[in-house]
C-alpha atoms as a PDB file:
ATOM      1  CA  MET A   1      -0.021   0.027   0.195  1.00  0.00           C
ATOM      2  CA  PRO A   2       1.494   3.234  -1.098  1.00  0.00           C
ATOM      3  CA  ASP A   3       1.767   6.258   0.877  1.00  0.00           C
ATOM      4  CA  TRP A   4      -0.551   8.678  -0.576  1.00  0.00           C
ATOM      5  CA  ILE A   5       1.156  12.147  -0.995  1.00  0.00           C
ATOM      6  CA  VAL A   6      -1.761  13.701  -2.946  1.00  0.00           C
ATOM      7  CA  ALA A   7      -5.469  12.839  -2.761  1.00  0.00           C
ATOM      8  CA  THR A   8      -8.215  14.436  -4.561  1.00  0.00           C
ATOM      9  CA  GLU A   9     -11.534  13.450  -5.505  1.00  0.00           C
ATOM     10  CA  TRP A  10     -10.429  11.863  -8.898  1.00  0.00           C
ATOM     11  CA  LEU A  11      -6.535  11.753  -8.745  1.00  0.00           C
ATOM     12  CA  LYS A  12      -4.342  10.070  -5.968  1.00  0.00           C
ATOM     13  CA  VAL A  13      -0.622   9.836  -6.019  1.00  0.00           C
ATOM     14  CA  GLY A  14       1.550   7.724  -3.915  1.00  0.00           C
ATOM     15  CA  LEU A  15       5.256   6.961  -3.048  1.00  0.00           C
ATOM     16  CA  LEU A  16       6.184   3.293  -2.512  1.00  0.00           C
ATOM     17  CA  PRO A  17       9.293   2.534  -0.096  1.00  0.00           C
ATOM     18  CA  ASP A  18      11.501   1.708  -3.196  1.00  0.00           C
ATOM     19  CA  GLY A  19      10.732   4.940  -4.836  1.00  0.00           C
ATOM     20  CA  ASP A  20       8.343   4.178  -7.331  1.00  0.00           C
ATOM     21  CA  ILE A  21       5.137   6.297  -7.790  1.00  0.00           C
ATOM     22  CA  VAL A  22       1.621   5.169  -8.072  1.00  0.00           C
ATOM     23  CA  ILE A  23      -0.983   7.135  -9.728  1.00  0.00           C
ATOM     24  CA  ASP A  24      -4.645   6.207  -9.310  1.00  0.00           C
ATOM     25  CA  ALA A  25      -6.932   8.104 -11.597  1.00  0.00           C
ATOM     26  CA  LYS A  26     -10.557   8.023 -12.594  1.00  0.00           C
ATOM     27  CA  LEU A  27     -13.032  10.273 -14.566  1.00  0.00           C
ATOM     28  CA  PRO A  28     -15.289  12.563 -12.813  1.00  0.00           C
ATOM     29  CA  ASP A  29     -19.001  11.788 -12.287  1.00  0.00           C
ATOM     30  CA  HIS A  30     -18.572   8.283 -12.712  1.00  0.00           C
ATOM     31  CA  GLN A  31     -18.321   8.385 -16.722  1.00  0.00           C
ATOM     32  CA  GLU A  32     -17.581   5.274 -18.519  1.00  0.00           C
ATOM     33  CA  GLU A  33     -15.332   5.649 -21.371  1.00  0.00           C
ATOM     34  CA  THR A  34     -12.121   3.976 -22.822  1.00  0.00           C
ATOM     35  CA  GLY A  35      -9.237   5.978 -23.982  1.00  0.00           C
ATOM     36  CA  VAL A  36      -5.702   6.831 -23.570  1.00  0.00           C
ATOM     37  CA  TRP A  37      -4.318   8.318 -20.081  1.00  0.00           C
ATOM     38  CA  ASN A  38      -1.198  10.774 -20.325  1.00  0.00           C
ATOM     39  CA  PHE A  39       0.725  11.113 -17.245  1.00  0.00           C
ATOM     40  CA  ASP A  40       3.349  13.916 -17.529  1.00  0.00           C
ATOM     41  CA  LEU A  41       6.064  13.820 -14.753  1.00  0.00           C
ATOM     42  CA  GLY A  42       8.564  16.427 -15.099  1.00  0.00           C
ATOM     43  CA  GLY A  43       8.486  16.491 -18.920  1.00  0.00           C
ATOM     44  CA  LYS A  44       8.178  12.911 -19.437  1.00  0.00           C
ATOM     45  CA  VAL A  45       5.115  11.463 -20.484  1.00  0.00           C
ATOM     46  CA  TYR A  46       3.864   8.133 -19.741  1.00  0.00           C
ATOM     47  CA  ASN A  47       0.922   7.026 -21.703  1.00  0.00           C
ATOM     48  CA  ILE A  48      -1.510   4.327 -21.001  1.00  0.00           C
ATOM     49  CA  GLU A  49      -4.599   2.585 -22.581  1.00  0.00           C
ATOM     50  CA  GLY A  50      -7.211   2.363 -20.282  1.00  0.00           C
ATOM     51  CA  THR A  51     -10.932   2.836 -18.958  1.00  0.00           C
ATOM     52  CA  GLU A  52     -12.561   5.027 -16.772  1.00  0.00           C
ATOM     53  CA  SER A  53     -10.443   4.293 -13.966  1.00  0.00           C
ATOM     54  CA  VAL A  54      -6.674   3.174 -13.846  1.00  0.00           C
ATOM     55  CA  LYS A  55      -3.903   2.658 -11.630  1.00  0.00           C
ATOM     56  CA  TYR A  56      -0.317   3.219 -12.908  1.00  0.00           C
ATOM     57  CA  ARG A  57       3.269   2.533 -11.466  1.00  0.00           C
ATOM     58  CA  ILE A  58       5.927   4.705 -12.506  1.00  0.00           C
ATOM     59  CA  ALA A  59       9.169   2.633 -11.765  1.00  0.00           C
ATOM     60  CA  LYS A  60      12.276   4.468 -10.488  1.00  0.00           C
ATOM     61  CA  ALA A  61      10.896   7.866 -10.304  1.00  0.00           C
ATOM     62  CA  PRO A  62      13.270  10.705 -10.788  1.00  0.00           C
ATOM     63  CA  VAL A  63      14.201  12.709  -7.540  1.00  0.00           C
ATOM     64  CA  GLY A  64      12.814  16.106  -7.418  1.00  0.00           C
ATOM     65  CA  THR A  65       9.749  18.057  -7.078  1.00  0.00           C
ATOM     66  CA  TYR A  66       7.206  18.129 -10.201  1.00  0.00           C
ATOM     67  CA  ASN A  67       3.876  18.785 -11.365  1.00  0.00           C
ATOM     68  CA  ILE A  68       1.868  15.939 -12.506  1.00  0.00           C
ATOM     69  CA  LEU A  69      -0.149  16.823 -15.285  1.00  0.00           C
ATOM     70  CA  VAL A  70      -2.837  14.088 -16.027  1.00  0.00           C
ATOM     71  CA  THR A  71      -5.317  13.983 -19.168  1.00  0.00           C
ATOM     72  CA  PHE A  72      -7.358  11.461 -20.540  1.00  0.00           C
ATOM     73  CA  THR A  73      -8.464  11.331 -24.202  1.00  0.00           C
ATOM     74  CA  SER A  74     -11.345   9.085 -25.283  1.00  0.00           C
ATOM     75  CA  HIS A  75     -11.691   7.374 -28.371  1.00  0.00           C
ATOM     76  CA  ASN A  76     -14.554   9.607 -29.362  1.00  0.00           C
ATOM     77  CA  GLY A  77     -12.324  12.673 -29.168  1.00  0.00           C
ATOM     78  CA  THR A  78     -13.372  13.782 -25.537  1.00  0.00           C
ATOM     79  CA  VAL A  79     -10.561  15.266 -23.632  1.00  0.00           C
ATOM     80  CA  PHE A  80     -10.432  15.585 -19.586  1.00  0.00           C
ATOM     81  CA  LYS A  81      -7.650  17.549 -18.014  1.00  0.00           C
ATOM     82  CA  PHE A  82      -7.017  17.288 -14.374  1.00  0.00           C
ATOM     83  CA  GLU A  83      -5.617  19.851 -12.307  1.00  0.00           C
ATOM     84  CA  ALA A  84      -1.692  19.552 -12.084  1.00  0.00           C
ATOM     85  CA  VAL A  85      -0.517  18.368  -8.545  1.00  0.00           C
ATOM     86  CA  PRO A  86       2.722  18.810  -7.130  1.00  0.00           C
ATOM     87  CA  VAL A  87       4.888  15.885  -5.974  1.00  0.00           C
ATOM     88  CA  SER A  88       7.980  15.480  -4.240  1.00  0.00           C
ATOM     89  CA  VAL A  89      10.066  12.470  -4.367  1.00  0.00           C
ATOM     90  CA  PRO A  90      12.635  11.881  -2.175  1.00  0.00           C
ATOM     91  CA  THR A  91      15.804  10.245  -2.292  1.00  0.00           C
ATOM     92  CA  VAL A  92      15.489   6.457  -1.525  1.00  0.00           C
ATOM     93  CA  ASN A  93      17.929   5.130   0.958  1.00  0.00           C
ATOM     94  CA  GLY A  94      18.547   1.409   1.495  1.00  0.00           C
ATOM     95  CA  GLY A  95      15.524  -0.317  -0.091  1.00  0.00           C
ATOM     96  CA  GLN A  96      14.823  -4.302  -0.644  1.00  0.00           C
ATOM     97  CA  LEU A  97      17.183  -6.636   0.665  1.00  0.00           C
ATOM     98  CA  PRO A  98      18.176  -9.606  -1.615  1.00  0.00           C
ATOM     99  CA  ALA A  99      16.610 -13.024  -0.996  1.00  0.00           C
ATOM    100  CA  THR A 100      19.870 -14.706   0.076  1.00  0.00           C
ATOM    101  CA  ALA A 101      19.322 -15.146   3.560  1.00  0.00           C
ATOM    102  CA  THR A 102      17.714 -17.916   5.303  1.00  0.00           C
ATOM    103  CA  PRO A 103      14.436 -18.355   7.323  1.00  0.00           C
ATOM    104  CA  TRP A 104      15.915 -21.573   9.197  1.00  0.00           C
ATOM    105  CA  TYR A 105      17.823 -19.797  12.038  1.00  0.00           C
ATOM    106  CA  ASN A 106      16.491 -22.579  14.450  1.00  0.00           C
ATOM    107  CA  LEU A 107      18.209 -25.226  12.655  1.00  0.00           C
ATOM    108  CA  LEU A 108      21.435 -23.197  12.183  1.00  0.00           C
ATOM    109  CA  LEU A 109      21.510 -22.877  15.894  1.00  0.00           C
ATOM    110  CA  SER A 110      20.726 -26.425  16.637  1.00  0.00           C
ATOM    111  CA  GLY A 111      23.165 -27.623  14.142  1.00  0.00           C
ATOM    112  CA  SER A 112      25.896 -25.316  15.597  1.00  0.00           C
ATOM    113  CA  LEU A 113      24.935 -26.702  19.118  1.00  0.00           C
ATOM    114  CA  LEU A 114      25.380 -30.141  18.101  1.00  0.00           C
ATOM    115  CA  THR A 115      28.826 -29.432  16.448  1.00  0.00           C
ATOM    116  CA  ILE A 116      30.027 -27.526  19.553  1.00  0.00           C
ATOM    117  CA  MET A 117      28.760 -30.457  21.785  1.00  0.00           C
ATOM    118  CA  GLY A 118      30.526 -33.138  19.601  1.00  0.00           C
ATOM    119  CA  GLY A 119      33.888 -31.179  19.880  1.00  0.00           C
ATOM    120  CA  VAL A 120      33.696 -31.256  23.594  1.00  0.00           C
ATOM    121  CA  ILE A 121      32.730 -34.794  23.906  1.00  0.00           C
ATOM    122  CA  LEU A 122      35.512 -35.602  21.401  1.00  0.00           C
ATOM    123  CA  TRP A 123      38.074 -33.366  23.505  1.00  0.00           C
ATOM    124  CA  ARG A 124      37.149 -35.114  26.532  1.00  0.00           C
ATOM    125  CA  ARG A 125      37.780 -38.579  25.080  1.00  0.00           C
ATOM    126  CA  LYS A 126      41.098 -37.414  24.167  1.00  0.00           C
ATOM    127  CA  LEU A 127      41.891 -36.107  27.302  1.00  0.00           C
ATOM    128  CA  ARG A 128      41.083 -39.604  28.982  1.00  0.00           C
ATOM    129  CA  GLU A 129      43.484 -41.642  26.870  1.00  0.00           C
END
C-alpha cells in the first residue's frame, strides 16, 4: 500500500518505499469511457491505454519536485484535463534486501550446538586416553 502524497477526488498519487510512484486516476462523475491516459511527470510523458479508472506505477521515478499533469483522451475525442498536482520524490536510502538469507535460524543454531557438543565430547575422550 503506497503512502498517498496527494489525494483529490479524482486523482491519488502515492509513493512506495522503493521510490516508485503510483498514480490512481478516475474520470469525474462516474463517466464510462475508454481511451488513453497521459501522465506528465516533469516533462517525461507516460501513456497507458485504459478505461474510466486506471492505476499506473512509475518505476524508479526521478528524484525531485514535479507537477504531475494528467489528461485522458477518449476514443471519441473527448479530452479530460485534471488539475496539476505537485509531487516531491525524495531520495531513497536502503531498499529491499536480496533474498539470500535463510529463514531456518533455529536449525542453524541447533546444528551449531550439536557441533560444539561433539567437539567437547571428542576433546574429553582425547584427555582420558
